Amino acid sequence: MAKLPLAPFERILRESGKNIRVSLDSAQEFAKATGEMASEIAEEACLLARHAGRKTVKAPDVEMAFRRFQKK
């Protein structure tokens, strides 16, 4: 998994709570958790595309993979 920049994760955390500070380790943990979820969804989307006989992942593959992830 590629290392994702922390700034967007810090921004999401800050914008989710008014007047709250975000520690570096909380942003790192949030980035790690988000990256793991994204990897799971991406893998599922690729499986769905292959199952459909395609070499291209399409938006409906990602949508279905996300719905399946949410049900876990």
Protein backbone atom coordinates (compact mmCIF):
# COMPACT_ATOMS: atom_id res chain seq x y z
CA MET A 1 0.00 0.00 0.00
CA ALA A 2 1.31 3.43 -0.92
CA LYS A 3 2.02 5.91 1.84
CA LEU A 4 -0.66 8.57 1.72
CA PRO A 5 0.02 12.22 2.63
CA LEU A 6 -1.22 13.17 6.11
CA ALA A 7 -2.53 16.66 5.34
CA PRO A 8 -5.89 15.54 3.88
CA PHE A 9 -6.50 13.25 6.87
CA GLU A 10 -5.67 16.00 9.35
CA ARG A 11 -8.05 18.31 7.47
CA ILE A 12 -10.88 15.74 7.51
CA LEU A 13 -10.45 15.23 11.26
CA ARG A 14 -10.35 18.98 11.95
CA GLU A 15 -13.39 19.67 9.77
CA SER A 16 -15.34 16.86 11.45
CA GLY A 17 -15.18 18.60 14.82
CA LYS A 18 -15.44 22.30 15.49
CA ASN A 19 -12.56 23.90 17.38
CA ILE A 20 -10.61 20.67 17.81
CA ARG A 21 -6.90 20.05 17.50
CA VAL A 22 -5.52 16.96 15.81
CA SER A 23 -2.38 15.20 17.00
CA LEU A 24 0.11 13.81 14.51
CA ASP A 25 -0.38 10.24 15.73
CA SER A 26 -4.18 10.51 15.38
CA ALA A 27 -3.81 11.68 11.77
CA GLN A 28 -1.36 8.83 11.11
CA GLU A 29 -3.74 6.27 12.58
CA PHE A 30 -6.69 7.71 10.65
CA ALA A 31 -4.64 7.56 7.42
CA LYS A 32 -3.65 3.95 8.16
CA ALA A 33 -7.25 2.87 8.86
CA THR A 34 -8.58 4.71 5.81
CA GLY A 35 -5.88 3.21 3.61
CA GLU A 36 -6.70 -0.30 4.81
CA MET A 37 -10.41 0.22 4.11
CA ALA A 38 -9.65 1.66 0.67
CA SER A 39 -7.42 -1.31 -0.16
CA GLU A 40 -10.16 -3.77 0.80
CA ILE A 41 -12.72 -1.91 -1.31
CA ALA A 42 -10.30 -1.70 -4.26
CA GLU A 43 -9.55 -5.44 -4.12
CA GLU A 44 -13.26 -6.25 -4.07
CA ALA A 45 -13.92 -3.85 -6.96
CA CYS A 46 -11.20 -5.58 -9.01
CA LEU A 47 -12.73 -8.98 -8.28
CA LEU A 48 -16.13 -7.71 -9.40
CA ALA A 49 -14.68 -6.37 -12.65
CA ARG A 50 -12.93 -9.68 -13.35
CA HIS A 51 -16.11 -11.59 -12.54
CA ALA A 52 -17.92 -9.45 -15.13
CA GLY A 53 -15.25 -10.37 -17.69
CA ARG A 54 -13.68 -6.92 -17.76
CA LYS A 55 -10.14 -5.67 -17.30
CA THR A 56 -11.42 -2.22 -16.31
CA VAL A 57 -12.84 -1.36 -12.90
CA LYS A 58 -15.93 0.81 -13.32
CA ALA A 59 -17.83 3.02 -10.89
CA PRO A 60 -20.57 0.41 -10.26
CA ASP A 61 -17.83 -2.05 -9.19
CA VAL A 62 -16.56 0.41 -6.62
CA GLU A 63 -20.10 1.23 -5.46
CA MET A 64 -20.95 -2.44 -4.97
CA ALA A 65 -17.63 -3.13 -3.25
CA PHE A 66 -18.28 -0.23 -0.87
CA ARG A 67 -21.79 -1.49 -0.08
CA ARG A 68 -20.36 -4.94 0.66
CA PHE A 69 -17.67 -3.37 2.86
CA GLN A 70 -20.31 -1.46 4.83
CA LYS A 71 -22.20 -4.68 5.57
CA LYS A 72 -19.16 -6.29 7.23
